[in-house]
Amino acid sequence: MKCTIVISTLAYYDLEDAVVYYESKVKGLGKRMEADFWKSVDSIQKSSLGYRIRYVFYRQRMLEKFPYAVIYEVLDKEIIIYRVAHLKLQPEKKFKI
């Protein structure tokens, strides 16, 4: 059974900031970043426990082509995505929810 995906407001802001940034650098790059994010979300939904716990009870799924990670938690039948964190810029903030 697939879990329901819940994306926090902070994660949406993280994603929006990243998409706007990449789109301002190269036309179409922001859309590729967003597609990479949704591909990662699909992967998490298919195998939510397949990614190891990185901090307390948060799990991390790396994006394939961008230096970002999806930070999430699995609760019963829900997967809560808390952050879309850039791993090279202020990596210590990725688990600040």
Protein backbone atom coordinates (compact mmCIF):
# COMPACT_ATOMS: atom_id res chain seq x y z
CA MET A 1 0.00 0.00 0.00
CA LYS A 2 1.29 3.43 -0.92
CA CYS A 3 1.60 6.07 1.76
CA THR A 4 0.09 9.52 1.37
CA ILE A 5 2.64 12.25 0.67
CA VAL A 6 2.36 15.42 2.76
CA ILE A 7 4.65 18.29 1.78
CA SER A 8 5.26 20.96 4.40
CA THR A 9 5.07 24.65 3.61
CA LEU A 10 8.79 24.98 4.30
CA ALA A 11 9.57 22.23 1.77
CA TYR A 12 7.43 24.02 -0.85
CA TYR A 13 9.35 27.24 -0.19
CA ASP A 14 12.67 25.39 -0.46
CA LEU A 15 11.60 23.87 -3.77
CA GLU A 16 10.26 27.15 -5.13
CA ASP A 17 13.48 28.98 -4.23
CA ALA A 18 15.58 26.33 -5.95
CA VAL A 19 13.43 26.28 -9.08
CA VAL A 20 13.49 30.09 -9.38
CA TYR A 21 17.27 30.14 -8.84
CA TYR A 22 18.02 27.50 -11.49
CA GLU A 23 15.53 28.98 -13.94
CA SER A 24 17.27 32.38 -13.60
CA LYS A 25 20.59 30.74 -14.53
CA VAL A 26 19.47 28.74 -17.55
CA LYS A 27 16.01 28.65 -19.10
CA GLY A 28 14.45 25.25 -18.46
CA LEU A 29 16.89 24.25 -15.72
CA GLY A 30 14.40 25.09 -12.98
CA LYS A 31 11.84 22.79 -14.58
CA ARG A 32 14.44 20.01 -14.72
CA MET A 33 15.18 20.52 -11.03
CA GLU A 34 11.48 20.33 -10.18
CA ALA A 35 11.10 17.16 -12.27
CA ASP A 36 14.07 15.65 -10.41
CA PHE A 37 12.34 16.48 -7.11
CA TRP A 38 9.08 14.79 -8.15
CA LYS A 39 11.00 11.75 -9.38
CA SER A 40 12.58 11.52 -5.92
CA VAL A 41 9.16 11.85 -4.26
CA ASP A 42 7.87 8.96 -6.41
CA SER A 43 10.87 6.90 -5.36
CA ILE A 44 10.24 7.70 -1.69
CA GLN A 45 6.58 6.74 -2.04
CA LYS A 46 7.50 3.38 -3.57
CA SER A 47 10.19 2.59 -1.00
CA SER A 48 9.80 4.96 1.94
CA LEU A 49 11.76 2.79 4.39
CA GLY A 50 14.45 2.08 1.81
CA TYR A 51 16.44 5.17 2.77
CA ARG A 52 18.28 5.09 6.05
CA ILE A 53 17.61 7.32 9.02
CA ARG A 54 20.07 10.19 8.96
CA TYR A 55 19.09 12.14 12.07
CA VAL A 56 16.82 11.03 14.92
CA PHE A 57 13.87 9.80 12.78
CA TYR A 58 14.40 11.82 9.58
CA ARG A 59 15.30 10.06 6.37
CA GLN A 60 17.08 11.61 3.41
CA ARG A 61 16.69 10.94 -0.31
CA MET A 62 19.20 12.63 -2.62
CA LEU A 63 18.05 14.17 -5.88
CA GLU A 64 19.77 12.52 -8.82
CA LYS A 65 21.09 15.54 -10.72
CA PHE A 66 21.08 18.44 -8.26
CA PRO A 67 22.84 18.93 -4.90
CA TYR A 68 19.62 18.69 -2.91
CA ALA A 69 18.07 16.13 -0.61
CA VAL A 70 14.47 15.49 0.36
CA ILE A 71 14.23 15.27 4.16
CA TYR A 72 11.23 13.25 5.28
CA GLU A 73 9.66 11.14 7.99
CA VAL A 74 7.46 8.06 7.72
CA LEU A 75 4.44 8.01 10.06
CA ASP A 76 1.99 5.11 9.75
CA LYS A 77 0.41 5.71 6.33
CA GLU A 78 1.89 9.17 5.72
CA ILE A 79 5.21 10.39 4.44
CA ILE A 80 5.86 13.95 5.58
CA ILE A 81 8.39 15.90 3.54
CA TYR A 82 9.88 18.60 5.74
CA ARG A 83 12.68 20.11 3.65
CA VAL A 84 14.22 20.20 0.20
CA ALA A 85 17.71 21.01 1.42
CA HIS A 86 20.72 22.20 -0.54
CA LEU A 87 23.59 20.02 0.64
CA LYS A 88 26.46 22.37 -0.12
CA LEU A 89 25.01 25.64 1.13
CA GLN A 90 24.58 25.53 4.89
CA PRO A 91 24.28 21.73 5.20
CA GLU A 92 23.87 22.04 8.97
CA LYS A 93 20.40 23.55 8.40
CA LYS A 94 18.98 20.59 6.52
CA PHE A 95 17.49 19.04 9.65
CA LYS A 96 16.14 22.31 11.08
CA ILE A 97 12.43 21.83 10.65
